[in-house]
């Protein structure tokens, strides 16, 4: 049989042209078992070959469903009984052949049509996808193909999609620390609830917790859009700056973000530097696995300074009365409730 192109490299046209050539050649009456073996060998060389052949075969099938166009010669194609059977068969065959393209032209046409169908998808389809979920007490480090790194905290769920022109991450729940490799032509975004963080190259932490998304920047520069659906104006954050966004309303407020408090959980330690008690309660509750609630609204702004071990969150909570005028009570469900300490007389 005639040698067929191998479609070297990742040129999409060459790849689909080769697949189309195989497909057209396969339709010939002299297709032999050895030809089929050669085709199967070509398909086995890579998933790209298999995908290209499937795309072209689907296009070939779709073309086969189109109605045959009316030809000018059809007006003279009436066959009378006087015409011998052998002539009728020959005439029918000529009409059939007139609708078939020459082999090379058919291969090129199918390849072009296949590219038309899949070209847009090839450009917009993700080139890299990864979905990760961590369990209780599990921290996972991810190395991305662009050189970026992500540390995913316990009880967190994250999805990564890289495209030719952008890099997208969705943090569905939990917490992650990002070290993003610079790429001005491929912005890096992190979506959490209604909020979006956009960055070119920096290190920052995002926590998607109950009722609030918290972003803290270790170094570099990020833009936080509190509500991407509504197109709210982005807030610029630089080194040691943070922002807390309320999930329900997209209202936001600046928060303290000292360098040693950003991503410290990666080393098993939480650092608080005059951090509001409501933020401490949310963060510690993440490691406890149960909610930590405040009994009175006035407690939320009490400043907390100290260290908590991520593997011993209950110990830190039970020590809070030594730091603040509060009392801490264990709930029946396994969480904790923090209340104002009664005034003694």
C-alpha atoms as a PDB file:
ATOM      1  CA  UNK A   1       0.000   0.000   0.000  1.00  0.00           C
ATOM      2  CA  UNK A   2       1.047   3.637  -0.421  1.00  0.00           C
ATOM      3  CA  UNK A   3       3.022   5.070   2.491  1.00  0.00           C
ATOM      4  CA  UNK A   4       0.969   7.396   4.643  1.00  0.00           C
ATOM      5  CA  UNK A   5       2.206  10.483   6.515  1.00  0.00           C
ATOM      6  CA  UNK A   6       3.280  10.023  10.104  1.00  0.00           C
ATOM      7  CA  UNK A   7       2.268  13.471  11.359  1.00  0.00           C
ATOM      8  CA  UNK A   8       5.446  14.114  13.301  1.00  0.00           C
ATOM      9  CA  UNK A   9       5.384  16.685  16.053  1.00  0.00           C
ATOM     10  CA  UNK A  10       2.283  18.452  17.304  1.00  0.00           C
ATOM     11  CA  UNK A  11       1.168  20.277  14.147  1.00  0.00           C
ATOM     12  CA  UNK A  12      -2.622  19.782  14.356  1.00  0.00           C
ATOM     13  CA  UNK A  13      -3.138  20.000  10.592  1.00  0.00           C
ATOM     14  CA  UNK A  14      -0.439  17.445   9.829  1.00  0.00           C
ATOM     15  CA  UNK A  15      -1.862  15.144  12.473  1.00  0.00           C
ATOM     16  CA  UNK A  16      -5.422  15.326  11.123  1.00  0.00           C
ATOM     17  CA  UNK A  17      -4.196  15.083   7.539  1.00  0.00           C
ATOM     18  CA  UNK A  18      -2.427  11.839   8.406  1.00  0.00           C
ATOM     19  CA  UNK A  19      -5.536  10.505  10.150  1.00  0.00           C
ATOM     20  CA  UNK A  20      -7.678  11.452   7.162  1.00  0.00           C
ATOM     21  CA  UNK A  21      -5.277   9.679   4.791  1.00  0.00           C
ATOM     22  CA  UNK A  22      -5.563   6.491   6.841  1.00  0.00           C
ATOM     23  CA  UNK A  23      -9.347   6.747   6.924  1.00  0.00           C
ATOM     24  CA  UNK A  24      -9.707   7.316   3.176  1.00  0.00           C
ATOM     25  CA  UNK A  25      -7.256   4.509   2.362  1.00  0.00           C
ATOM     26  CA  UNK A  26      -9.254   2.191   4.656  1.00  0.00           C
ATOM     27  CA  UNK A  27     -12.303   2.588   2.390  1.00  0.00           C
ATOM     28  CA  UNK A  28     -10.533   0.970  -0.602  1.00  0.00           C
ATOM     29  CA  UNK A  29     -11.503  -2.532  -1.706  1.00  0.00           C
ATOM     30  CA  UNK A  30      -7.875  -3.706  -1.618  1.00  0.00           C
ATOM     31  CA  UNK A  31      -7.467  -2.909   2.107  1.00  0.00           C
ATOM     32  CA  UNK A  32      -5.610  -5.902   3.538  1.00  0.00           C
ATOM     33  CA  UNK A  33      -5.122  -7.301   7.077  1.00  0.00           C
ATOM     34  CA  UNK A  34      -1.519  -6.075   6.968  1.00  0.00           C
ATOM     35  CA  UNK A  35      -2.851  -2.561   6.242  1.00  0.00           C
ATOM     36  CA  UNK A  36      -5.155  -2.789   9.245  1.00  0.00           C
ATOM     37  CA  UNK A  37      -2.211  -3.920  11.374  1.00  0.00           C
ATOM     38  CA  UNK A  38      -0.214  -0.902  10.189  1.00  0.00           C
ATOM     39  CA  UNK A  39      -3.097   1.410  11.084  1.00  0.00           C
ATOM     40  CA  UNK A  40      -3.411  -0.117  14.554  1.00  0.00           C
ATOM     41  CA  UNK A  41       0.331   0.332  15.041  1.00  0.00           C
ATOM     42  CA  UNK A  42       0.008   4.025  14.091  1.00  0.00           C
ATOM     43  CA  UNK A  43      -2.891   4.466  16.504  1.00  0.00           C
ATOM     44  CA  UNK A  44      -0.940   2.806  19.318  1.00  0.00           C
ATOM     45  CA  UNK A  45       1.956   5.238  18.934  1.00  0.00           C
ATOM     46  CA  UNK A  46       0.180   8.004  20.889  1.00  0.00           C
ATOM     47  CA  UNK A  47      -3.121   9.195  22.289  1.00  0.00           C
ATOM     48  CA  UNK A  48      -2.858  12.167  19.908  1.00  0.00           C
ATOM     49  CA  UNK A  49      -3.055   9.766  16.945  1.00  0.00           C
ATOM     50  CA  UNK A  50      -6.100   8.071  18.439  1.00  0.00           C
ATOM     51  CA  UNK A  51      -7.856  11.373  19.109  1.00  0.00           C
ATOM     52  CA  UNK A  52      -7.130  12.707  15.613  1.00  0.00           C
ATOM     53  CA  UNK A  53      -8.438   9.520  13.996  1.00  0.00           C
ATOM     54  CA  UNK A  54     -11.599   9.651  16.131  1.00  0.00           C
ATOM     55  CA  UNK A  55     -12.159  13.313  15.179  1.00  0.00           C
ATOM     56  CA  UNK A  56     -11.744  12.604  11.480  1.00  0.00           C
ATOM     57  CA  UNK A  57     -13.945   9.484  11.626  1.00  0.00           C
ATOM     58  CA  UNK A  58     -16.692  11.473  13.307  1.00  0.00           C
ATOM     59  CA  UNK A  59     -16.445  14.165  10.618  1.00  0.00           C
ATOM     60  CA  UNK A  60     -16.516  11.480   7.892  1.00  0.00           C
ATOM     61  CA  UNK A  61     -19.672  10.022   9.444  1.00  0.00           C
ATOM     62  CA  UNK A  62     -21.301  13.461   9.694  1.00  0.00           C
ATOM     63  CA  UNK A  63     -20.531  14.133   6.043  1.00  0.00           C
ATOM     64  CA  UNK A  64     -22.106  10.806   5.129  1.00  0.00           C
ATOM     65  CA  UNK A  65     -25.397  11.953   6.638  1.00  0.00           C
ATOM     66  CA  UNK A  66     -25.615  14.954   4.298  1.00  0.00           C
ATOM     67  CA  UNK A  67     -28.005  14.557   1.324  1.00  0.00           C
ATOM     68  CA  UNK A  68     -26.401  14.017  -2.047  1.00  0.00           C
ATOM     69  CA  UNK A  69     -26.582  17.241  -4.090  1.00  0.00           C
ATOM     70  CA  UNK A  70     -28.671  17.310  -7.255  1.00  0.00           C
ATOM     71  CA  UNK A  71     -26.395  17.147 -10.290  1.00  0.00           C
ATOM     72  CA  UNK A  72     -27.126  18.643 -13.688  1.00  0.00           C
ATOM     73  CA  UNK A  73     -26.711  15.205 -15.232  1.00  0.00           C
ATOM     74  CA  UNK A  74     -29.531  13.838 -13.078  1.00  0.00           C
ATOM     75  CA  UNK A  75     -32.060  15.287 -15.527  1.00  0.00           C
ATOM     76  CA  UNK A  76     -30.801  12.844 -18.146  1.00  0.00           C
ATOM     77  CA  UNK A  77     -30.377   9.851 -15.872  1.00  0.00           C
ATOM     78  CA  UNK A  78     -33.743   8.222 -16.646  1.00  0.00           C
ATOM     79  CA  UNK A  79     -33.068   4.598 -17.477  1.00  0.00           C
ATOM     80  CA  UNK A  80     -35.387   2.843 -19.972  1.00  0.00           C
ATOM     81  CA  UNK A  81     -35.972  -0.907 -20.168  1.00  0.00           C
ATOM     82  CA  UNK A  82     -34.202  -0.984 -23.531  1.00  0.00           C
ATOM     83  CA  UNK A  83     -30.864  -0.333 -21.851  1.00  0.00           C
ATOM     84  CA  UNK A  84     -29.056  -3.605 -21.106  1.00  0.00           C
ATOM     85  CA  UNK A  85     -28.499  -4.469 -17.450  1.00  0.00           C
ATOM     86  CA  UNK A  86     -24.728  -4.252 -17.790  1.00  0.00           C
ATOM     87  CA  UNK A  87     -25.052  -0.696 -19.117  1.00  0.00           C
ATOM     88  CA  UNK A  88     -27.395   0.252 -16.307  1.00  0.00           C
ATOM     89  CA  UNK A  89     -24.901  -0.966 -13.743  1.00  0.00           C
ATOM     90  CA  UNK A  90     -22.123   0.940 -15.451  1.00  0.00           C
ATOM     91  CA  UNK A  91     -24.162   4.125 -15.602  1.00  0.00           C
ATOM     92  CA  UNK A  92     -25.099   3.833 -11.920  1.00  0.00           C
ATOM     93  CA  UNK A  93     -21.479   3.258 -11.071  1.00  0.00           C
ATOM     94  CA  UNK A  94     -20.457   6.361 -12.975  1.00  0.00           C
ATOM     95  CA  UNK A  95     -22.970   8.447 -10.973  1.00  0.00           C
ATOM     96  CA  UNK A  96     -21.638   6.957  -7.746  1.00  0.00           C
ATOM     97  CA  UNK A  97     -18.043   7.702  -8.690  1.00  0.00           C
ATOM     98  CA  UNK A  98     -18.950  11.258  -9.665  1.00  0.00           C
ATOM     99  CA  UNK A  99     -19.900  11.941  -6.039  1.00  0.00           C
ATOM    100  CA  UNK A 100     -16.605  10.670  -4.651  1.00  0.00           C
ATOM    101  CA  UNK A 101     -13.609  12.938  -4.305  1.00  0.00           C
ATOM    102  CA  UNK A 102     -10.197  11.755  -5.426  1.00  0.00           C
ATOM    103  CA  UNK A 103      -8.353  10.082  -2.567  1.00  0.00           C
ATOM    104  CA  UNK A 104      -5.874  12.876  -1.812  1.00  0.00           C
ATOM    105  CA  UNK A 105      -8.517  15.594  -2.116  1.00  0.00           C
ATOM    106  CA  UNK A 106     -10.862  13.639   0.150  1.00  0.00           C
ATOM    107  CA  UNK A 107      -8.164  13.254   2.783  1.00  0.00           C
ATOM    108  CA  UNK A 108      -7.363  16.953   2.705  1.00  0.00           C
ATOM    109  CA  UNK A 109     -11.045  17.902   2.779  1.00  0.00           C
ATOM    110  CA  UNK A 110     -11.794  15.650   5.729  1.00  0.00           C
ATOM    111  CA  UNK A 111      -8.708  16.901   7.553  1.00  0.00           C
ATOM    112  CA  UNK A 112      -9.720  20.512   6.984  1.00  0.00           C
ATOM    113  CA  UNK A 113     -13.270  19.858   8.135  1.00  0.00           C
ATOM    114  CA  UNK A 114     -12.041  17.979  11.178  1.00  0.00           C
ATOM    115  CA  UNK A 115      -9.820  20.905  12.051  1.00  0.00           C
ATOM    116  CA  UNK A 116     -12.790  23.174  11.628  1.00  0.00           C
ATOM    117  CA  UNK A 117     -14.718  21.117  14.140  1.00  0.00           C
ATOM    118  CA  UNK A 118     -11.913  20.641  16.653  1.00  0.00           C
ATOM    119  CA  UNK A 119      -9.648  23.640  15.997  1.00  0.00           C
ATOM    120  CA  UNK A 120     -11.479  25.954  18.340  1.00  0.00           C
ATOM    121  CA  UNK A 121     -11.646  23.246  20.980  1.00  0.00           C
ATOM    122  CA  UNK A 122      -7.943  22.467  20.521  1.00  0.00           C
ATOM    123  CA  UNK A 123      -7.125  26.105  21.241  1.00  0.00           C
ATOM    124  CA  UNK A 124      -9.505  26.523  24.186  1.00  0.00           C
ATOM    125  CA  UNK A 125      -9.353  23.050  25.730  1.00  0.00           C
ATOM    126  CA  UNK A 126      -7.249  22.799  28.887  1.00  0.00           C
ATOM    127  CA  UNK A 127      -3.722  21.533  28.374  1.00  0.00           C
ATOM    128  CA  UNK A 128      -3.415  20.448  32.011  1.00  0.00           C
ATOM    129  CA  UNK A 129      -6.094  19.389  34.515  1.00  0.00           C
ATOM    130  CA  UNK A 130      -5.757  18.233  38.098  1.00  0.00           C
ATOM    131  CA  UNK A 131      -8.402  17.745  40.809  1.00  0.00           C
ATOM    132  CA  UNK A 132      -7.205  17.293  44.385  1.00  0.00           C
ATOM    133  CA  UNK A 133      -8.977  16.760  47.708  1.00  0.00           C
ATOM    134  CA  UNK A 134      -7.297  16.294  51.085  1.00  0.00           C
ATOM    135  CA  UNK A 135      -8.593  14.566  54.182  1.00  0.00           C
ATOM    136  CA  UNK A 136      -8.330  15.392  57.859  1.00  0.00           C
ATOM    137  CA  UNK A 137      -4.735  16.062  58.874  1.00  0.00           C
ATOM    138  CA  UNK A 138      -3.464  15.748  55.297  1.00  0.00           C
ATOM    139  CA  UNK A 139      -1.336  18.423  53.611  1.00  0.00           C
ATOM    140  CA  UNK A 140      -0.401  17.940  49.963  1.00  0.00           C
ATOM    141  CA  UNK A 141       2.156  19.777  47.835  1.00  0.00           C
ATOM    142  CA  UNK A 142       1.520  20.159  44.103  1.00  0.00           C
ATOM    143  CA  UNK A 143       4.116  20.989  41.455  1.00  0.00           C
ATOM    144  CA  UNK A 144       2.445  22.490  38.382  1.00  0.00           C
ATOM    145  CA  UNK A 145       3.869  22.262  34.841  1.00  0.00           C
ATOM    146  CA  UNK A 146       4.502  26.028  34.642  1.00  0.00           C
ATOM    147  CA  UNK A 147       6.775  25.927  37.700  1.00  0.00           C
ATOM    148  CA  UNK A 148       4.125  27.160  40.143  1.00  0.00           C
ATOM    149  CA  UNK A 149       3.618  25.340  43.443  1.00  0.00           C
ATOM    150  CA  UNK A 150       0.536  24.881  45.591  1.00  0.00           C
ATOM    151  CA  UNK A 151       0.350  23.590  49.165  1.00  0.00           C
ATOM    152  CA  UNK A 152      -3.143  22.321  49.942  1.00  0.00           C
ATOM    153  CA  UNK A 153      -4.274  22.277  53.552  1.00  0.00           C
ATOM    154  CA  UNK A 154      -6.343  19.602  55.262  1.00  0.00           C
ATOM    155  CA  UNK A 155     -10.020  19.147  54.327  1.00  0.00           C
ATOM    156  CA  UNK A 156      -9.570  21.154  51.130  1.00  0.00           C
ATOM    157  CA  UNK A 157     -10.763  20.680  47.559  1.00  0.00           C
ATOM    158  CA  UNK A 158      -9.041  22.257  44.570  1.00  0.00           C
ATOM    159  CA  UNK A 159      -9.235  22.024  40.758  1.00  0.00           C
ATOM    160  CA  UNK A 160      -6.509  23.214  38.353  1.00  0.00           C
ATOM    161  CA  UNK A 161      -7.140  23.985  34.665  1.00  0.00           C
ATOM    162  CA  UNK A 162      -4.323  25.364  32.507  1.00  0.00           C
ATOM    163  CA  UNK A 163      -5.125  26.796  29.061  1.00  0.00           C
ATOM    164  CA  UNK A 164      -2.926  28.252  26.339  1.00  0.00           C
ATOM    165  CA  UNK A 165      -3.705  31.821  27.441  1.00  0.00           C
ATOM    166  CA  UNK A 166      -4.604  31.521  31.121  1.00  0.00           C
ATOM    167  CA  UNK A 167      -4.196  29.466  34.292  1.00  0.00           C
ATOM    168  CA  UNK A 168      -7.262  28.841  36.444  1.00  0.00           C
ATOM    169  CA  UNK A 169      -7.689  27.339  39.903  1.00  0.00           C
ATOM    170  CA  UNK A 170     -10.921  26.814  41.832  1.00  0.00           C
ATOM    171  CA  UNK A 171     -10.634  26.407  45.608  1.00  0.00           C
ATOM    172  CA  UNK A 172     -14.027  24.926  46.462  1.00  0.00           C
ATOM    173  CA  UNK A 173     -13.288  24.643  50.152  1.00  0.00           C
ATOM    174  CA  UNK A 174     -10.427  24.777  52.581  1.00  0.00           C
ATOM    175  CA  UNK A 175      -7.105  26.554  52.274  1.00  0.00           C
ATOM    176  CA  UNK A 176      -4.132  26.729  49.934  1.00  0.00           C
ATOM    177  CA  UNK A 177      -0.810  28.545  49.698  1.00  0.00           C
ATOM    178  CA  UNK A 178       0.279  29.549  46.189  1.00  0.00           C
ATOM    179  CA  UNK A 179       3.728  30.297  44.795  1.00  0.00           C
ATOM    180  CA  UNK A 180       3.005  31.406  41.240  1.00  0.00           C
ATOM    181  CA  UNK A 181       5.590  31.374  38.475  1.00  0.00           C
ATOM    182  CA  UNK A 182       5.568  34.677  36.532  1.00  0.00           C
ATOM    183  CA  UNK A 183       3.925  34.602  33.084  1.00  0.00           C
ATOM    184  CA  UNK A 184       2.604  37.996  31.999  1.00  0.00           C
ATOM    185  CA  UNK A 185       0.784  36.505  28.987  1.00  0.00           C
ATOM    186  CA  UNK A 186      -0.932  33.791  31.095  1.00  0.00           C
ATOM    187  CA  UNK A 187      -2.648  35.305  34.143  1.00  0.00           C
ATOM    188  CA  UNK A 188      -3.169  33.044  37.137  1.00  0.00           C
ATOM    189  CA  UNK A 189      -6.575  33.212  38.855  1.00  0.00           C
ATOM    190  CA  UNK A 190      -7.979  31.576  41.972  1.00  0.00           C
ATOM    191  CA  UNK A 191     -11.771  31.444  42.430  1.00  0.00           C
ATOM    192  CA  UNK A 192     -13.228  30.927  45.904  1.00  0.00           C
ATOM    193  CA  UNK A 193     -16.966  31.369  46.416  1.00  0.00           C
ATOM    194  CA  UNK A 194     -17.894  34.669  44.731  1.00  0.00           C
ATOM    195  CA  UNK A 195     -14.378  36.064  44.848  1.00  0.00           C
ATOM    196  CA  UNK A 196     -11.515  35.909  42.358  1.00  0.00           C
ATOM    197  CA  UNK A 197      -7.807  36.478  42.969  1.00  0.00           C
ATOM    198  CA  UNK A 198      -5.722  37.439  39.924  1.00  0.00           C
ATOM    199  CA  UNK A 199      -1.935  37.341  39.962  1.00  0.00           C
ATOM    200  CA  UNK A 200       1.010  37.261  37.592  1.00  0.00           C
ATOM    201  CA  UNK A 201       3.776  36.161  39.957  1.00  0.00           C
ATOM    202  CA  UNK A 202       3.695  36.135  43.754  1.00  0.00           C
ATOM    203  CA  UNK A 203       3.137  34.064  46.920  1.00  0.00           C
ATOM    204  CA  UNK A 204      -0.166  34.273  48.747  1.00  0.00           C
ATOM    205  CA  UNK A 205      -2.618  32.310  50.877  1.00  0.00           C
ATOM    206  CA  UNK A 206      -6.359  31.808  50.310  1.00  0.00           C
ATOM    207  CA  UNK A 207      -8.750  30.339  52.882  1.00  0.00           C
ATOM    208  CA  UNK A 208     -12.272  29.488  51.785  1.00  0.00           C
ATOM    209  CA  UNK A 209     -13.972  29.044  55.128  1.00  0.00           C
ATOM    210  CA  UNK A 210     -17.535  29.053  56.414  1.00  0.00           C
ATOM    211  CA  UNK A 211     -19.010  32.420  55.500  1.00  0.00           C
ATOM    212  CA  UNK A 212     -15.753  34.111  54.540  1.00  0.00           C
ATOM    213  CA  UNK A 213     -12.884  34.075  52.043  1.00  0.00           C
ATOM    214  CA  UNK A 214      -9.561  35.352  53.412  1.00  0.00           C
ATOM    215  CA  UNK A 215      -6.628  36.338  51.168  1.00  0.00           C
ATOM    216  CA  UNK A 216      -3.162  37.193  52.527  1.00  0.00           C
ATOM    217  CA  UNK A 217      -0.131  38.153  50.417  1.00  0.00           C
ATOM    218  CA  UNK A 218       3.359  37.109  51.479  1.00  0.00           C
ATOM    219  CA  UNK A 219       5.142  38.919  48.653  1.00  0.00           C
ATOM    220  CA  UNK A 220       4.299  40.294  45.248  1.00  0.00           C
ATOM    221  CA  UNK A 221       0.981  41.785  44.165  1.00  0.00           C
ATOM    222  CA  UNK A 222      -2.511  40.355  43.648  1.00  0.00           C
ATOM    223  CA  UNK A 223      -5.914  41.762  42.721  1.00  0.00           C
ATOM    224  CA  UNK A 224      -8.932  40.513  44.625  1.00  0.00           C
ATOM    225  CA  UNK A 225     -12.364  40.897  43.032  1.00  0.00           C
ATOM    226  CA  UNK A 226     -14.851  40.428  45.892  1.00  0.00           C
ATOM    227  CA  UNK A 227     -17.732  39.492  43.554  1.00  0.00           C
ATOM    228  CA  UNK A 228     -16.633  38.421  40.072  1.00  0.00           C
ATOM    229  CA  UNK A 229     -20.225  37.807  38.902  1.00  0.00           C
ATOM    230  CA  UNK A 230     -21.208  41.392  39.614  1.00  0.00           C
ATOM    231  CA  UNK A 231     -17.960  42.760  38.233  1.00  0.00           C
ATOM    232  CA  UNK A 232     -17.012  44.629  41.416  1.00  0.00           C
ATOM    233  CA  UNK A 233     -13.858  46.722  41.293  1.00  0.00           C
ATOM    234  CA  UNK A 234     -10.746  44.756  42.298  1.00  0.00           C
ATOM    235  CA  UNK A 235      -8.791  45.522  45.461  1.00  0.00           C
ATOM    236  CA  UNK A 236      -5.013  45.586  45.121  1.00  0.00           C
ATOM    237  CA  UNK A 237      -3.005  43.789  47.787  1.00  0.00           C
ATOM    238  CA  UNK A 238       0.748  43.902  48.268  1.00  0.00           C
ATOM    239  CA  UNK A 239       3.178  42.168  50.628  1.00  0.00           C
ATOM    240  CA  UNK A 240       1.838  41.616  54.155  1.00  0.00           C
ATOM    241  CA  UNK A 241      -1.654  42.830  53.284  1.00  0.00           C
ATOM    242  CA  UNK A 242      -4.858  40.858  53.541  1.00  0.00           C
ATOM    243  CA  UNK A 243      -8.561  41.007  52.753  1.00  0.00           C
ATOM    244  CA  UNK A 244     -11.564  39.178  54.204  1.00  0.00           C
ATOM    245  CA  UNK A 245     -14.653  38.870  51.966  1.00  0.00           C
ATOM    246  CA  UNK A 246     -18.050  37.876  53.383  1.00  0.00           C
ATOM    247  CA  UNK A 247     -19.491  35.058  51.284  1.00  0.00           C
ATOM    248  CA  UNK A 248     -23.160  36.110  51.315  1.00  0.00           C
ATOM    249  CA  UNK A 249     -22.800  39.828  50.631  1.00  0.00           C
ATOM    250  CA  UNK A 250     -19.300  40.150  49.107  1.00  0.00           C
ATOM    251  CA  UNK A 251     -18.633  42.909  51.642  1.00  0.00           C
ATOM    252  CA  UNK A 252     -14.947  43.077  52.490  1.00  0.00           C
ATOM    253  CA  UNK A 253     -12.531  44.525  55.007  1.00  0.00           C
ATOM    254  CA  UNK A 254      -8.731  44.774  55.227  1.00  0.00           C
ATOM    255  CA  UNK A 255      -7.037  42.494  57.735  1.00  0.00           C
ATOM    256  CA  UNK A 256      -3.583  42.229  59.249  1.00  0.00           C
ATOM    257  CA  UNK A 257      -1.172  39.868  57.503  1.00  0.00           C
ATOM    258  CA  UNK A 258       2.246  39.633  59.115  1.00  0.00           C
ATOM    259  CA  UNK A 259       4.724  37.536  57.163  1.00  0.00           C
ATOM    260  CA  UNK A 260       5.018  34.806  59.805  1.00  0.00           C
ATOM    261  CA  UNK A 261       1.234  34.355  59.914  1.00  0.00           C
ATOM    262  CA  UNK A 262       0.887  33.611  56.184  1.00  0.00           C
ATOM    263  CA  UNK A 263       0.959  29.925  55.318  1.00  0.00           C
ATOM    264  CA  UNK A 264       2.475  28.917  58.647  1.00  0.00           C
ATOM    265  CA  UNK A 265       0.137  25.903  58.688  1.00  0.00           C
ATOM    266  CA  UNK A 266       2.489  24.240  56.192  1.00  0.00           C
ATOM    267  CA  UNK A 267       4.896  23.769  59.100  1.00  0.00           C
ATOM    268  CA  UNK A 268       2.178  22.709  61.530  1.00  0.00           C
ATOM    269  CA  UNK A 269       1.944  26.058  63.305  1.00  0.00           C
ATOM    270  CA  UNK A 270      -0.606  28.875  63.270  1.00  0.00           C
ATOM    271  CA  UNK A 271       0.723  32.308  64.179  1.00  0.00           C
ATOM    272  CA  UNK A 272      -1.608  35.056  65.395  1.00  0.00           C
ATOM    273  CA  UNK A 273      -0.487  38.686  65.716  1.00  0.00           C
ATOM    274  CA  UNK A 274      -3.333  40.693  67.226  1.00  0.00           C
ATOM    275  CA  UNK A 275      -5.664  38.701  65.015  1.00  0.00           C
ATOM    276  CA  UNK A 276      -9.410  39.250  65.633  1.00  0.00           C
ATOM    277  CA  UNK A 277     -10.959  36.443  67.650  1.00  0.00           C
ATOM    278  CA  UNK A 278     -13.568  35.617  65.002  1.00  0.00           C
ATOM    279  CA  UNK A 279     -10.814  34.933  62.469  1.00  0.00           C
ATOM    280  CA  UNK A 280      -8.928  32.831  65.016  1.00  0.00           C
ATOM    281  CA  UNK A 281     -12.096  30.839  65.742  1.00  0.00           C
ATOM    282  CA  UNK A 282     -12.600  30.078  62.037  1.00  0.00           C
ATOM    283  CA  UNK A 283      -9.020  29.084  61.431  1.00  0.00           C
ATOM    284  CA  UNK A 284      -8.664  26.881  64.511  1.00  0.00           C
ATOM    285  CA  UNK A 285     -12.066  25.322  63.849  1.00  0.00           C
ATOM    286  CA  UNK A 286     -10.776  24.136  60.482  1.00  0.00           C
ATOM    287  CA  UNK A 287      -8.255  21.879  62.233  1.00  0.00           C
ATOM    288  CA  UNK A 288     -10.653  20.892  64.965  1.00  0.00           C
ATOM    289  CA  UNK A 289     -13.130  19.599  62.401  1.00  0.00           C
ATOM    290  CA  UNK A 290     -16.030  21.170  64.314  1.00  0.00           C
ATOM    291  CA  UNK A 291     -17.323  24.760  64.539  1.00  0.00           C
ATOM    292  CA  UNK A 292     -15.961  27.252  67.035  1.00  0.00           C
ATOM    293  CA  UNK A 293     -18.645  29.844  67.727  1.00  0.00           C
ATOM    294  CA  UNK A 294     -18.707  33.150  69.573  1.00  0.00           C
ATOM    295  CA  UNK A 295     -21.494  33.670  72.087  1.00  0.00           C
ATOM    296  CA  UNK A 296     -21.585  37.482  71.861  1.00  0.00           C
ATOM    297  CA  UNK A 297     -20.970  39.766  68.861  1.00  0.00           C
ATOM    298  CA  UNK A 298     -18.624  41.983  70.861  1.00  0.00           C
ATOM    299  CA  UNK A 299     -16.070  39.175  71.098  1.00  0.00           C
ATOM    300  CA  UNK A 300     -15.251  39.066  67.417  1.00  0.00           C
ATOM    301  CA  UNK A 301     -12.789  41.961  67.490  1.00  0.00           C
ATOM    302  CA  UNK A 302     -10.813  40.892  70.570  1.00  0.00           C
ATOM    303  CA  UNK A 303      -7.132  40.729  69.478  1.00  0.00           C
ATOM    304  CA  UNK A 304      -5.338  37.403  69.864  1.00  0.00           C
ATOM    305  CA  UNK A 305      -1.575  36.921  69.843  1.00  0.00           C
ATOM    306  CA  UNK A 306      -0.019  33.497  70.185  1.00  0.00           C
ATOM    307  CA  UNK A 307       0.819  30.179  68.550  1.00  0.00           C
ATOM    308  CA  UNK A 308      -1.353  27.140  67.907  1.00  0.00           C
ATOM    309  CA  UNK A 309      -0.264  23.698  66.775  1.00  0.00           C
ATOM    310  CA  UNK A 310      -2.401  22.441  63.897  1.00  0.00           C
ATOM    311  CA  UNK A 311      -2.429  18.956  65.421  1.00  0.00           C
ATOM    312  CA  UNK A 312      -3.635  20.231  68.818  1.00  0.00           C
ATOM    313  CA  UNK A 313      -6.300  22.893  68.158  1.00  0.00           C
ATOM    314  CA  UNK A 314      -8.320  22.023  71.273  1.00  0.00           C
ATOM    315  CA  UNK A 315      -5.327  22.752  73.504  1.00  0.00           C
ATOM    316  CA  UNK A 316      -5.051  26.273  72.106  1.00  0.00           C
ATOM    317  CA  UNK A 317      -8.784  26.952  72.492  1.00  0.00           C
ATOM    318  CA  UNK A 318      -8.818  25.769  76.078  1.00  0.00           C
ATOM    319  CA  UNK A 319      -5.903  28.102  76.843  1.00  0.00           C
ATOM    320  CA  UNK A 320      -7.694  31.201  75.510  1.00  0.00           C
ATOM    321  CA  UNK A 321      -8.975  32.238  78.982  1.00  0.00           C
ATOM    322  CA  UNK A 322      -5.311  32.818  79.913  1.00  0.00           C
ATOM    323  CA  UNK A 323      -5.054  35.382  77.096  1.00  0.00           C
ATOM    324  CA  UNK A 324      -8.502  36.970  76.981  1.00  0.00           C
ATOM    325  CA  UNK A 325     -11.459  37.708  79.290  1.00  0.00           C
ATOM    326  CA  UNK A 326     -13.419  34.759  77.943  1.00  0.00           C
ATOM    327  CA  UNK A 327     -14.594  31.317  78.942  1.00  0.00           C
ATOM    328  CA  UNK A 328     -14.455  28.324  76.617  1.00  0.00           C
ATOM    329  CA  UNK A 329     -16.966  25.473  76.693  1.00  0.00           C
ATOM    330  CA  UNK A 330     -16.939  22.180  74.811  1.00  0.00           C
ATOM    331  CA  UNK A 331     -20.208  21.508  72.986  1.00  0.00           C
ATOM    332  CA  UNK A 332     -22.000  18.177  72.731  1.00  0.00           C
ATOM    333  CA  UNK A 333     -21.247  18.056  69.014  1.00  0.00           C
ATOM    334  CA  UNK A 334     -17.479  18.262  69.550  1.00  0.00           C
ATOM    335  CA  UNK A 335     -17.039  21.973  68.828  1.00  0.00           C
ATOM    336  CA  UNK A 336     -16.355  24.879  71.169  1.00  0.00           C
ATOM    337  CA  UNK A 337     -18.280  27.950  72.267  1.00  0.00           C
ATOM    338  CA  UNK A 338     -16.481  31.073  73.415  1.00  0.00           C
ATOM    339  CA  UNK A 339     -18.375  33.444  75.745  1.00  0.00           C
ATOM    340  CA  UNK A 340     -17.598  36.575  77.686  1.00  0.00           C
ATOM    341  CA  UNK A 341     -16.204  35.793  81.098  1.00  0.00           C
ATOM    342  CA  UNK A 342     -18.738  36.607  83.828  1.00  0.00           C
ATOM    343  CA  UNK A 343     -17.842  39.587  85.937  1.00  0.00           C
ATOM    344  CA  UNK A 344     -17.214  38.515  89.522  1.00  0.00           C
ATOM    345  CA  UNK A 345     -18.030  40.771  92.438  1.00  0.00           C
END
